[in-house]
């Protein structure tokens, strides 16, 4: 992780696993820093999922676990972009867990 990323993340409150303590602190710069820490270079496909996850959180006041996330994305994205394999490629450490972290949201309750 670059020095700039470390500096940005040092000024943000996170839990022991790196999830933001205050979702209001999130912005795309912070998302890029978290993603870099997760060894992910964000592209348009990542951003699309990240923004839908944030939309889910705003609608339901909870971070989605994988099943609700898949159902939510299925109503918004083409079929080829809302399957677990596609999401696993984008977020290899677990689509719900890793994507919510990058999206600046709390860890989903059902994720271990």
PDB file of N, CA and C in Angstrom:
ATOM      1  N   UNK A   1       0.853  -1.172   0.000  1.00  0.00           N
ATOM      2  CA  UNK A   1       0.000   0.000   0.000  1.00  0.00           C
ATOM      3  C   UNK A   1       0.899   1.235   0.000  1.00  0.00           C
ATOM      4  N   UNK A   2       0.503   2.233  -0.775  1.00  0.00           N
ATOM      5  CA  UNK A   2       1.318   3.438  -0.881  1.00  0.00           C
ATOM      6  C   UNK A   2       1.237   4.257   0.400  1.00  0.00           C
ATOM      7  N   UNK A   3       2.196   5.170   0.550  1.00  0.00           N
ATOM      8  CA  UNK A   3       2.216   6.060   1.700  1.00  0.00           C
ATOM      9  C   UNK A   3       0.965   6.919   1.740  1.00  0.00           C
ATOM     10  N   UNK A   4       0.506   7.389   0.567  1.00  0.00           N
ATOM     11  CA  UNK A   4      -0.716   8.192   0.510  1.00  0.00           C
ATOM     12  C   UNK A   4      -1.914   7.408   1.036  1.00  0.00           C
ATOM     13  N   UNK A   5      -2.034   6.150   0.624  1.00  0.00           N
ATOM     14  CA  UNK A   5      -3.144   5.314   1.092  1.00  0.00           C
ATOM     15  C   UNK A   5      -3.081   5.118   2.598  1.00  0.00           C
ATOM     16  N   UNK A   6      -1.885   4.871   3.129  1.00  0.00           N
ATOM     17  CA  UNK A   6      -1.728   4.694   4.569  1.00  0.00           C
ATOM     18  C   UNK A   6      -2.135   5.961   5.310  1.00  0.00           C
ATOM     19  N   UNK A   7      -1.751   7.119   4.777  1.00  0.00           N
ATOM     20  CA  UNK A   7      -2.098   8.394   5.407  1.00  0.00           C
ATOM     21  C   UNK A   7      -3.606   8.601   5.414  1.00  0.00           C
ATOM     22  N   UNK A   8      -4.244   8.334   4.294  1.00  0.00           N
ATOM     23  CA  UNK A   8      -5.707   8.499   4.203  1.00  0.00           C
ATOM     24  C   UNK A   8      -6.397   7.563   5.178  1.00  0.00           C
ATOM     25  N   UNK A   9      -6.009   6.293   5.191  1.00  0.00           N
ATOM     26  CA  UNK A   9      -6.668   5.324   6.062  1.00  0.00           C
ATOM     27  C   UNK A   9      -6.346   5.552   7.539  1.00  0.00           C
ATOM     28  N   UNK A  10      -5.204   6.160   7.832  1.00  0.00           N
ATOM     29  CA  UNK A  10      -4.852   6.447   9.221  1.00  0.00           C
ATOM     30  C   UNK A  10      -5.806   7.458   9.846  1.00  0.00           C
ATOM     31  N   UNK A  11      -6.441   8.268   9.027  1.00  0.00           N
ATOM     32  CA  UNK A  11      -7.358   9.292   9.521  1.00  0.00           C
ATOM     33  C   UNK A  11      -8.810   8.831   9.552  1.00  0.00           C
ATOM     34  N   UNK A  12      -9.043   7.553   9.297  1.00  0.00           N
ATOM     35  CA  UNK A  12     -10.389   6.986   9.257  1.00  0.00           C
ATOM     36  C   UNK A  12     -10.509   5.941  10.368  1.00  0.00           C
ATOM     37  N   UNK A  13     -11.602   5.979  11.105  1.00  0.00           N
ATOM     38  CA  UNK A  13     -11.839   4.994  12.162  1.00  0.00           C
ATOM     39  C   UNK A  13     -12.374   3.697  11.565  1.00  0.00           C
ATOM     40  N   UNK A  14     -11.667   2.595  11.838  1.00  0.00           N
ATOM     41  CA  UNK A  14     -12.102   1.280  11.373  1.00  0.00           C
ATOM     42  C   UNK A  14     -12.119   0.310  12.546  1.00  0.00           C
ATOM     43  N   UNK A  15     -12.836  -0.794  12.354  1.00  0.00           N
ATOM     44  CA  UNK A  15     -12.786  -1.844  13.362  1.00  0.00           C
ATOM     45  C   UNK A  15     -11.522  -2.675  13.120  1.00  0.00           C
ATOM     46  N   UNK A  16     -11.352  -3.728  13.894  1.00  0.00           N
ATOM     47  CA  UNK A  16     -10.141  -4.553  13.803  1.00  0.00           C
ATOM     48  C   UNK A  16      -9.986  -5.232  12.443  1.00  0.00           C
ATOM     49  N   UNK A  17     -11.092  -5.406  11.713  1.00  0.00           N
ATOM     50  CA  UNK A  17     -11.036  -6.064  10.411  1.00  0.00           C
ATOM     51  C   UNK A  17     -10.969  -5.073   9.251  1.00  0.00           C
ATOM     52  N   UNK A  18     -10.942  -3.779   9.536  1.00  0.00           N
ATOM     53  CA  UNK A  18     -10.786  -2.775   8.499  1.00  0.00           C
ATOM     54  C   UNK A  18     -12.069  -2.188   7.951  1.00  0.00           C
ATOM     55  N   UNK A  19     -13.219  -2.494   8.559  1.00  0.00           N
ATOM     56  CA  UNK A  19     -14.494  -1.911   8.141  1.00  0.00           C
ATOM     57  C   UNK A  19     -14.639  -0.531   8.775  1.00  0.00           C
ATOM     58  N   UNK A  20     -15.144   0.431   8.000  1.00  0.00           N
ATOM     59  CA  UNK A  20     -15.326   1.778   8.519  1.00  0.00           C
ATOM     60  C   UNK A  20     -16.281   1.767   9.701  1.00  0.00           C
ATOM     61  N   UNK A  21     -15.947   2.547  10.712  1.00  0.00           N
ATOM     62  CA  UNK A  21     -16.824   2.682  11.876  1.00  0.00           C
ATOM     63  C   UNK A  21     -17.956   3.667  11.588  1.00  0.00           C
ATOM     64  N   UNK A  22     -17.692   4.624  10.701  1.00  0.00           N
ATOM     65  CA  UNK A  22     -18.688   5.636  10.357  1.00  0.00           C
ATOM     66  C   UNK A  22     -18.869   5.621   8.843  1.00  0.00           C
ATOM     67  N   UNK A  23     -20.004   5.134   8.387  1.00  0.00           N
ATOM     68  CA  UNK A  23     -20.242   5.020   6.944  1.00  0.00           C
ATOM     69  C   UNK A  23     -20.264   6.377   6.256  1.00  0.00           C
ATOM     70  N   UNK A  24     -20.497   7.434   7.014  1.00  0.00           N
ATOM     71  CA  UNK A  24     -20.533   8.782   6.440  1.00  0.00           C
ATOM     72  C   UNK A  24     -19.146   9.270   6.018  1.00  0.00           C
ATOM     73  N   UNK A  25     -18.096   8.636   6.502  1.00  0.00           N
ATOM     74  CA  UNK A  25     -16.736   9.025   6.128  1.00  0.00           C
ATOM     75  C   UNK A  25     -16.338   8.509   4.749  1.00  0.00           C
ATOM     76  N   UNK A  26     -17.119   7.598   4.201  1.00  0.00           N
ATOM     77  CA  UNK A  26     -16.768   6.955   2.941  1.00  0.00           C
ATOM     78  C   UNK A  26     -16.828   7.927   1.773  1.00  0.00           C
ATOM     79  N   UNK A  27     -15.882   7.763   0.867  1.00  0.00           N
ATOM     80  CA  UNK A  27     -15.915   8.415  -0.441  1.00  0.00           C
ATOM     81  C   UNK A  27     -15.097   7.524  -1.388  1.00  0.00           C
ATOM     82  N   UNK A  28     -15.070   7.874  -2.642  1.00  0.00           N
ATOM     83  CA  UNK A  28     -14.390   6.999  -3.609  1.00  0.00           C
ATOM     84  C   UNK A  28     -12.886   6.943  -3.400  1.00  0.00           C
ATOM     85  N   UNK A  29     -12.301   7.989  -2.866  1.00  0.00           N
ATOM     86  CA  UNK A  29     -10.865   7.955  -2.560  1.00  0.00           C
ATOM     87  C   UNK A  29     -10.585   6.933  -1.471  1.00  0.00           C
ATOM     88  N   UNK A  30     -11.416   6.941  -0.442  1.00  0.00           N
ATOM     89  CA  UNK A  30     -11.261   5.964   0.637  1.00  0.00           C
ATOM     90  C   UNK A  30     -11.497   4.555   0.096  1.00  0.00           C
ATOM     91  N   UNK A  31     -12.486   4.401  -0.762  1.00  0.00           N
ATOM     92  CA  UNK A  31     -12.757   3.087  -1.363  1.00  0.00           C
ATOM     93  C   UNK A  31     -11.525   2.583  -2.116  1.00  0.00           C
ATOM     94  N   UNK A  32     -10.878   3.458  -2.873  1.00  0.00           N
ATOM     95  CA  UNK A  32      -9.673   3.052  -3.613  1.00  0.00           C
ATOM     96  C   UNK A  32      -8.564   2.614  -2.657  1.00  0.00           C
ATOM     97  N   UNK A  33      -8.433   3.316  -1.539  1.00  0.00           N
ATOM     98  CA  UNK A  33      -7.407   2.962  -0.548  1.00  0.00           C
ATOM     99  C   UNK A  33      -7.703   1.611   0.095  1.00  0.00           C
ATOM    100  N   UNK A  34      -8.960   1.401   0.476  1.00  0.00           N
ATOM    101  CA  UNK A  34      -9.347   0.108   1.054  1.00  0.00           C
ATOM    102  C   UNK A  34      -9.125  -0.999   0.032  1.00  0.00           C
ATOM    103  N   UNK A  35      -9.529  -0.756  -1.207  1.00  0.00           N
ATOM    104  CA  UNK A  35      -9.352  -1.756  -2.270  1.00  0.00           C
ATOM    105  C   UNK A  35      -7.872  -2.074  -2.474  1.00  0.00           C
ATOM    106  N   UNK A  36      -7.035  -1.060  -2.481  1.00  0.00           N
ATOM    107  CA  UNK A  36      -5.597  -1.290  -2.639  1.00  0.00           C
ATOM    108  C   UNK A  36      -5.072  -2.148  -1.488  1.00  0.00           C
ATOM    109  N   UNK A  37      -5.560  -1.886  -0.302  1.00  0.00           N
ATOM    110  CA  UNK A  37      -5.185  -2.680   0.867  1.00  0.00           C
ATOM    111  C   UNK A  37      -5.650  -4.134   0.708  1.00  0.00           C
ATOM    112  N   UNK A  38      -6.751  -4.321  -0.002  1.00  0.00           N
ATOM    113  CA  UNK A  38      -7.297  -5.653  -0.276  1.00  0.00           C
ATOM    114  C   UNK A  38      -6.687  -6.268  -1.549  1.00  0.00           C
ATOM    115  N   UNK A  39      -5.755  -5.531  -2.155  1.00  0.00           N
ATOM    116  CA  UNK A  39      -5.083  -5.962  -3.397  1.00  0.00           C
ATOM    117  C   UNK A  39      -6.051  -6.068  -4.577  1.00  0.00           C
ATOM    118  N   UNK A  40      -6.955  -5.094  -4.663  1.00  0.00           N
ATOM    119  CA  UNK A  40      -7.914  -5.009  -5.763  1.00  0.00           C
ATOM    120  C   UNK A  40      -7.763  -3.654  -6.428  1.00  0.00           C
ATOM    121  N   UNK A  41      -7.607  -3.667  -7.737  1.00  0.00           N
ATOM    122  CA  UNK A  41      -7.615  -2.433  -8.515  1.00  0.00           C
ATOM    123  C   UNK A  41      -9.019  -2.279  -9.074  1.00  0.00           C
ATOM    124  N   UNK A  42      -9.705  -1.259  -8.611  1.00  0.00           N
ATOM    125  CA  UNK A  42     -11.111  -1.076  -8.977  1.00  0.00           C
ATOM    126  C   UNK A  42     -11.277  -0.668 -10.434  1.00  0.00           C
ATOM    127  N   UNK A  43     -12.245  -1.310 -11.078  1.00  0.00           N
ATOM    128  CA  UNK A  43     -12.610  -0.942 -12.444  1.00  0.00           C
ATOM    129  C   UNK A  43     -14.115  -0.629 -12.469  1.00  0.00           C
ATOM    130  N   UNK A  44     -14.644  -0.375 -13.632  1.00  0.00           N
ATOM    131  CA  UNK A  44     -16.054   0.002 -13.762  1.00  0.00           C
ATOM    132  C   UNK A  44     -16.997  -1.063 -13.187  1.00  0.00           C
ATOM    133  N   UNK A  45     -16.667  -2.340 -13.382  1.00  0.00           N
ATOM    134  CA  UNK A  45     -17.505  -3.418 -12.853  1.00  0.00           C
ATOM    135  C   UNK A  45     -17.527  -3.421 -11.325  1.00  0.00           C
ATOM    136  N   UNK A  46     -16.370  -3.197 -10.700  1.00  0.00           N
ATOM    137  CA  UNK A  46     -16.314  -3.099  -9.239  1.00  0.00           C
ATOM    138  C   UNK A  46     -17.192  -1.947  -8.753  1.00  0.00           C
ATOM    139  N   UNK A  47     -17.019  -0.789  -9.399  1.00  0.00           N
ATOM    140  CA  UNK A  47     -17.767   0.395  -8.970  1.00  0.00           C
ATOM    141  C   UNK A  47     -19.266   0.181  -9.079  1.00  0.00           C
ATOM    142  N   UNK A  48     -19.686  -0.501 -10.123  1.00  0.00           N
ATOM    143  CA  UNK A  48     -21.114  -0.748 -10.297  1.00  0.00           C
ATOM    144  C   UNK A  48     -21.653  -1.543  -9.103  1.00  0.00           C
ATOM    145  N   UNK A  49     -20.965  -2.592  -8.726  1.00  0.00           N
ATOM    146  CA  UNK A  49     -21.395  -3.409  -7.588  1.00  0.00           C
ATOM    147  C   UNK A  49     -21.313  -2.610  -6.297  1.00  0.00           C
ATOM    148  N   UNK A  50     -20.235  -1.873  -6.110  1.00  0.00           N
ATOM    149  CA  UNK A  50     -20.061  -1.069  -4.889  1.00  0.00           C
ATOM    150  C   UNK A  50     -21.208  -0.073  -4.728  1.00  0.00           C
ATOM    151  N   UNK A  51     -21.564   0.602  -5.785  1.00  0.00           N
ATOM    152  CA  UNK A  51     -22.642   1.589  -5.685  1.00  0.00           C
ATOM    153  C   UNK A  51     -23.994   0.921  -5.410  1.00  0.00           C
ATOM    154  N   UNK A  52     -24.237  -0.251  -5.990  1.00  0.00           N
ATOM    155  CA  UNK A  52     -25.482  -0.965  -5.688  1.00  0.00           C
ATOM    156  C   UNK A  52     -25.502  -1.467  -4.248  1.00  0.00           C
ATOM    157  N   UNK A  53     -24.357  -1.870  -3.726  1.00  0.00           N
ATOM    158  CA  UNK A  53     -24.298  -2.299  -2.325  1.00  0.00           C
ATOM    159  C   UNK A  53     -24.605  -1.118  -1.403  1.00  0.00           C
ATOM    160  N   UNK A  54     -24.067   0.035  -1.719  1.00  0.00           N
ATOM    161  CA  UNK A  54     -24.378   1.226  -0.917  1.00  0.00           C
ATOM    162  C   UNK A  54     -25.862   1.583  -1.033  1.00  0.00           C
ATOM    163  N   UNK A  55     -26.416   1.409  -2.208  1.00  0.00           N
ATOM    164  CA  UNK A  55     -27.848   1.667  -2.402  1.00  0.00           C
ATOM    165  C   UNK A  55     -28.672   0.681  -1.562  1.00  0.00           C
ATOM    166  N   UNK A  56     -28.286  -0.592  -1.553  1.00  0.00           N
ATOM    167  CA  UNK A  56     -28.946  -1.602  -0.728  1.00  0.00           C
ATOM    168  C   UNK A  56     -28.917  -1.164   0.732  1.00  0.00           C
ATOM    169  N   UNK A  57     -27.748  -0.758   1.196  1.00  0.00           N
ATOM    170  CA  UNK A  57     -27.596  -0.335   2.593  1.00  0.00           C
ATOM    171  C   UNK A  57     -28.510   0.852   2.903  1.00  0.00           C
ATOM    172  N   UNK A  58     -28.576   1.810   2.003  1.00  0.00           N
ATOM    173  CA  UNK A  58     -29.433   2.977   2.219  1.00  0.00           C
ATOM    174  C   UNK A  58     -30.918   2.605   2.236  1.00  0.00           C
ATOM    175  N   UNK A  59     -31.307   1.621   1.451  1.00  0.00           N
ATOM    176  CA  UNK A  59     -32.708   1.193   1.412  1.00  0.00           C
ATOM    177  C   UNK A  59     -33.098   0.355   2.624  1.00  0.00           C
ATOM    178  N   UNK A  60     -32.206  -0.538   3.057  1.00  0.00           N
ATOM    179  CA  UNK A  60     -32.567  -1.521   4.081  1.00  0.00           C
ATOM    180  C   UNK A  60     -31.832  -1.335   5.413  1.00  0.00           C
ATOM    181  N   UNK A  61     -30.926  -0.368   5.490  1.00  0.00           N
ATOM    182  CA  UNK A  61     -30.173  -0.066   6.710  1.00  0.00           C
ATOM    183  C   UNK A  61     -29.406  -1.281   7.252  1.00  0.00           C
ATOM    184  N   UNK A  62     -28.902  -2.077   6.334  1.00  0.00           N
ATOM    185  CA  UNK A  62     -28.077  -3.219   6.706  1.00  0.00           C
ATOM    186  C   UNK A  62     -27.186  -3.585   5.521  1.00  0.00           C
ATOM    187  N   UNK A  63     -26.037  -4.150   5.832  1.00  0.00           N
ATOM    188  CA  UNK A  63     -25.153  -4.638   4.771  1.00  0.00           C
ATOM    189  C   UNK A  63     -25.672  -5.982   4.286  1.00  0.00           C
ATOM    190  N   UNK A  64     -25.679  -6.190   2.973  1.00  0.00           N
ATOM    191  CA  UNK A  64     -26.239  -7.444   2.458  1.00  0.00           C
ATOM    192  C   UNK A  64     -25.289  -8.626   2.595  1.00  0.00           C
ATOM    193  N   UNK A  65     -25.837  -9.759   3.019  1.00  0.00           N
ATOM    194  CA  UNK A  65     -25.086 -11.007   2.903  1.00  0.00           C
ATOM    195  C   UNK A  65     -25.253 -11.457   1.455  1.00  0.00           C
ATOM    196  N   UNK A  66     -24.649 -12.557   1.094  1.00  0.00           N
ATOM    197  CA  UNK A  66     -24.560 -12.920  -0.322  1.00  0.00           C
ATOM    198  C   UNK A  66     -25.930 -13.173  -0.969  1.00  0.00           C
ATOM    199  N   UNK A  67     -26.823 -13.877  -0.328  1.00  0.00           N
ATOM    200  CA  UNK A  67     -28.121 -14.172  -0.960  1.00  0.00           C
ATOM    201  C   UNK A  67     -28.945 -12.909  -1.219  1.00  0.00           C
ATOM    202  N   UNK A  68     -29.131 -12.050  -0.224  1.00  0.00           N
ATOM    203  CA  UNK A  68     -29.864 -10.818  -0.517  1.00  0.00           C
ATOM    204  C   UNK A  68     -29.155  -9.940  -1.547  1.00  0.00           C
ATOM    205  N   UNK A  69     -27.832  -9.955  -1.526  1.00  0.00           N
ATOM    206  CA  UNK A  69     -27.078  -9.182  -2.511  1.00  0.00           C
ATOM    207  C   UNK A  69     -27.351  -9.695  -3.916  1.00  0.00           C
ATOM    208  N   UNK A  70     -27.315 -11.009  -4.099  1.00  0.00           N
ATOM    209  CA  UNK A  70     -27.558 -11.593  -5.409  1.00  0.00           C
ATOM    210  C   UNK A  70     -28.966 -11.251  -5.907  1.00  0.00           C
ATOM    211  N   UNK A  71     -29.938 -11.354  -5.025  1.00  0.00           N
ATOM    212  CA  UNK A  71     -31.322 -11.043  -5.397  1.00  0.00           C
ATOM    213  C   UNK A  71     -31.454  -9.570  -5.775  1.00  0.00           C
ATOM    214  N   UNK A  72     -30.816  -8.711  -5.020  1.00  0.00           N
ATOM    215  CA  UNK A  72     -30.862  -7.268  -5.276  1.00  0.00           C
ATOM    216  C   UNK A  72     -30.213  -6.943  -6.623  1.00  0.00           C
ATOM    217  N   UNK A  73     -29.039  -7.495  -6.863  1.00  0.00           N
ATOM    218  CA  UNK A  73     -28.338  -7.241  -8.122  1.00  0.00           C
ATOM    219  C   UNK A  73     -29.100  -7.808  -9.313  1.00  0.00           C
ATOM    220  N   UNK A  74     -29.763  -8.950  -9.125  1.00  0.00           N
ATOM    221  CA  UNK A  74     -30.512  -9.578 -10.214  1.00  0.00           C
ATOM    222  C   UNK A  74     -31.627  -8.673 -10.732  1.00  0.00           C
ATOM    223  N   UNK A  75     -32.131  -7.802  -9.872  1.00  0.00           N
ATOM    224  CA  UNK A  75     -33.198  -6.900 -10.304  1.00  0.00           C
ATOM    225  C   UNK A  75     -32.655  -5.615 -10.941  1.00  0.00           C
ATOM    226  N   UNK A  76     -31.314  -5.491 -10.975  1.00  0.00           N
ATOM    227  CA  UNK A  76     -30.722  -4.256 -11.466  1.00  0.00           C
ATOM    228  C   UNK A  76     -29.661  -4.424 -12.551  1.00  0.00           C
ATOM    229  N   UNK A  77     -29.079  -5.591 -12.631  1.00  0.00           N
ATOM    230  CA  UNK A  77     -27.982  -5.829 -13.569  1.00  0.00           C
ATOM    231  C   UNK A  77     -28.343  -6.926 -14.563  1.00  0.00           C
ATOM    232  N   UNK A  78     -27.634  -6.956 -15.698  1.00  0.00           N
ATOM    233  CA  UNK A  78     -27.838  -8.074 -16.633  1.00  0.00           C
ATOM    234  C   UNK A  78     -27.457  -9.396 -15.961  1.00  0.00           C
ATOM    235  N   UNK A  79     -28.052 -10.478 -16.413  1.00  0.00           N
ATOM    236  CA  UNK A  79     -27.852 -11.798 -15.798  1.00  0.00           C
ATOM    237  C   UNK A  79     -26.376 -12.174 -15.656  1.00  0.00           C
ATOM    238  N   UNK A  80     -25.565 -11.836 -16.649  1.00  0.00           N
ATOM    239  CA  UNK A  80     -24.143 -12.227 -16.591  1.00  0.00           C
ATOM    240  C   UNK A  80     -23.365 -11.487 -15.507  1.00  0.00           C
ATOM    241  N   UNK A  81     -23.955 -10.432 -14.950  1.00  0.00           N
ATOM    242  CA  UNK A  81     -23.269  -9.663 -13.911  1.00  0.00           C
ATOM    243  C   UNK A  81     -23.853  -9.886 -12.519  1.00  0.00           C
ATOM    244  N   UNK A  82     -24.775 -10.802 -12.395  1.00  0.00           N
ATOM    245  CA  UNK A  82     -25.356 -11.015 -11.062  1.00  0.00           C
ATOM    246  C   UNK A  82     -25.371 -12.494 -10.708  1.00  0.00           C
ATOM    247  N   UNK A  83     -24.215 -13.105 -10.899  1.00  0.00           N
ATOM    248  CA  UNK A  83     -24.066 -14.486 -10.435  1.00  0.00           C
ATOM    249  C   UNK A  83     -22.856 -14.554  -9.512  1.00  0.00           C
ATOM    250  N   UNK A  84     -22.824 -15.569  -8.697  1.00  0.00           N
ATOM    251  CA  UNK A  84     -21.785 -15.648  -7.670  1.00  0.00           C
ATOM    252  C   UNK A  84     -20.378 -15.779  -8.242  1.00  0.00           C
ATOM    253  N   UNK A  85     -20.218 -16.437  -9.384  1.00  0.00           N
ATOM    254  CA  UNK A  85     -18.890 -16.562  -9.994  1.00  0.00           C
ATOM    255  C   UNK A  85     -18.356 -15.197 -10.425  1.00  0.00           C
ATOM    256  N   UNK A  86     -19.190 -14.425 -11.074  1.00  0.00           N
ATOM    257  CA  UNK A  86     -18.801 -13.076 -11.507  1.00  0.00           C
ATOM    258  C   UNK A  86     -18.369 -12.235 -10.302  1.00  0.00           C
ATOM    259  N   UNK A  87     -19.163 -12.261  -9.236  1.00  0.00           N
ATOM    260  CA  UNK A  87     -18.822 -11.482  -8.040  1.00  0.00           C
ATOM    261  C   UNK A  87     -17.572 -12.009  -7.360  1.00  0.00           C
ATOM    262  N   UNK A  88     -17.377 -13.316  -7.385  1.00  0.00           N
ATOM    263  CA  UNK A  88     -16.181 -13.913  -6.777  1.00  0.00           C
ATOM    264  C   UNK A  88     -14.918 -13.485  -7.528  1.00  0.00           C
ATOM    265  N   UNK A  89     -15.029 -13.321  -8.831  1.00  0.00           N
ATOM    266  CA  UNK A  89     -13.888 -12.843  -9.617  1.00  0.00           C
ATOM    267  C   UNK A  89     -13.556 -11.400  -9.240  1.00  0.00           C
ATOM    268  N   UNK A  90     -14.590 -10.588  -9.075  1.00  0.00           N
ATOM    269  CA  UNK A  90     -14.362  -9.189  -8.700  1.00  0.00           C
ATOM    270  C   UNK A  90     -13.840  -9.043  -7.279  1.00  0.00           C
ATOM    271  N   UNK A  91     -14.392  -9.832  -6.371  1.00  0.00           N
ATOM    272  CA  UNK A  91     -14.065  -9.728  -4.944  1.00  0.00           C
ATOM    273  C   UNK A  91     -13.699 -11.119  -4.425  1.00  0.00           C
ATOM    274  N   UNK A  92     -12.451 -11.552  -4.670  1.00  0.00           N
ATOM    275  CA  UNK A  92     -12.045 -12.942  -4.407  1.00  0.00           C
ATOM    276  C   UNK A  92     -12.081 -13.384  -2.947  1.00  0.00           C
ATOM    277  N   UNK A  93     -12.070 -12.449  -2.009  1.00  0.00           N
ATOM    278  CA  UNK A  93     -12.117 -12.833  -0.592  1.00  0.00           C
ATOM    279  C   UNK A  93     -13.540 -12.981  -0.080  1.00  0.00           C
ATOM    280  N   UNK A  94     -14.497 -12.955  -0.970  1.00  0.00           N
ATOM    281  CA  UNK A  94     -15.905 -13.083  -0.594  1.00  0.00           C
ATOM    282  C   UNK A  94     -16.654 -11.852  -1.040  1.00  0.00           C
ATOM    283  N   UNK A  95     -17.552 -12.000  -1.994  1.00  0.00           N
ATOM    284  CA  UNK A  95     -18.237 -10.845  -2.567  1.00  0.00           C
ATOM    285  C   UNK A  95     -18.931  -9.950  -1.543  1.00  0.00           C
ATOM    286  N   UNK A  96     -19.703 -10.522  -0.655  1.00  0.00           N
ATOM    287  CA  UNK A  96     -20.416  -9.674   0.312  1.00  0.00           C
ATOM    288  C   UNK A  96     -19.429  -9.042   1.292  1.00  0.00           C
ATOM    289  N   UNK A  97     -18.561  -9.843   1.843  1.00  0.00           N
ATOM    290  CA  UNK A  97     -17.619  -9.366   2.860  1.00  0.00           C
ATOM    291  C   UNK A  97     -16.656  -8.306   2.302  1.00  0.00           C
ATOM    292  N   UNK A  98     -15.997  -8.597   1.209  1.00  0.00           N
ATOM    293  CA  UNK A  98     -14.981  -7.690   0.674  1.00  0.00           C
ATOM    294  C   UNK A  98     -15.601  -6.463   0.006  1.00  0.00           C
ATOM    295  N   UNK A  99     -16.682  -6.660  -0.718  1.00  0.00           N
ATOM    296  CA  UNK A  99     -17.329  -5.528  -1.391  1.00  0.00           C
ATOM    297  C   UNK A  99     -17.928  -4.550  -0.387  1.00  0.00           C
ATOM    298  N   UNK A 100     -18.521  -5.058   0.695  1.00  0.00           N
ATOM    299  CA  UNK A 100     -19.075  -4.127   1.697  1.00  0.00           C
ATOM    300  C   UNK A 100     -17.962  -3.354   2.392  1.00  0.00           C
ATOM    301  N   UNK A 101     -16.834  -3.987   2.590  1.00  0.00           N
ATOM    302  CA  UNK A 101     -15.702  -3.278   3.210  1.00  0.00           C
ATOM    303  C   UNK A 101     -15.262  -2.120   2.316  1.00  0.00           C
ATOM    304  N   UNK A 102     -15.091  -2.400   1.031  1.00  0.00           N
ATOM    305  CA  UNK A 102     -14.662  -1.363   0.092  1.00  0.00           C
ATOM    306  C   UNK A 102     -15.737  -0.288  -0.049  1.00  0.00           C
ATOM    307  N   UNK A 103     -17.003  -0.685   0.079  1.00  0.00           N
ATOM    308  CA  UNK A 103     -18.113   0.266  -0.002  1.00  0.00           C
ATOM    309  C   UNK A 103     -18.280   1.082   1.273  1.00  0.00           C
ATOM    310  N   UNK A 104     -17.448   0.821   2.277  1.00  0.00           N
ATOM    311  CA  UNK A 104     -17.484   1.614   3.498  1.00  0.00           C
ATOM    312  C   UNK A 104     -18.623   1.268   4.432  1.00  0.00           C
ATOM    313  N   UNK A 105     -19.110   0.040   4.351  1.00  0.00           N
ATOM    314  CA  UNK A 105     -20.255  -0.382   5.143  1.00  0.00           C
ATOM    315  C   UNK A 105     -19.840  -1.393   6.205  1.00  0.00           C
ATOM    316  N   UNK A 106     -20.714  -1.605   7.200  1.00  0.00           N
ATOM    317  CA  UNK A 106     -20.401  -2.625   8.221  1.00  0.00           C
ATOM    318  C   UNK A 106     -20.351  -4.019   7.610  1.00  0.00           C
ATOM    319  N   UNK A 107     -19.610  -4.883   8.250  1.00  0.00           N
ATOM    320  CA  UNK A 107     -19.529  -6.274   7.815  1.00  0.00           C
ATOM    321  C   UNK A 107     -20.920  -6.894   7.905  1.00  0.00           C
ATOM    322  N   UNK A 108     -21.351  -7.611   6.854  1.00  0.00           N
ATOM    323  CA  UNK A 108     -22.661  -8.270   6.928  1.00  0.00           C
ATOM    324  C   UNK A 108     -22.736  -9.222   8.115  1.00  0.00           C
ATOM    325  N   UNK A 109     -23.863  -9.239   8.767  1.00  0.00           N
ATOM    326  CA  UNK A 109     -24.036 -10.032   9.987  1.00  0.00           C
ATOM    327  C   UNK A 109     -23.773 -11.516   9.765  1.00  0.00           C
ATOM    328  N   UNK A 110     -24.122 -12.056   8.607  1.00  0.00           N
ATOM    329  CA  UNK A 110     -23.977 -13.486   8.360  1.00  0.00           C
ATOM    330  C   UNK A 110     -22.598 -13.879   7.835  1.00  0.00           C
ATOM    331  N   UNK A 111     -21.706 -12.920   7.653  1.00  0.00           N
ATOM    332  CA  UNK A 111     -20.344 -13.224   7.181  1.00  0.00           C
ATOM    333  C   UNK A 111     -19.449 -13.488   8.369  1.00  0.00           C
ATOM    334  N   UNK A 112     -18.677 -14.539   8.269  1.00  0.00           N
ATOM    335  CA  UNK A 112     -17.770 -14.876   9.383  1.00  0.00           C
ATOM    336  C   UNK A 112     -16.409 -14.264   9.177  1.00  0.00           C
TER     337      UNK A 112
END
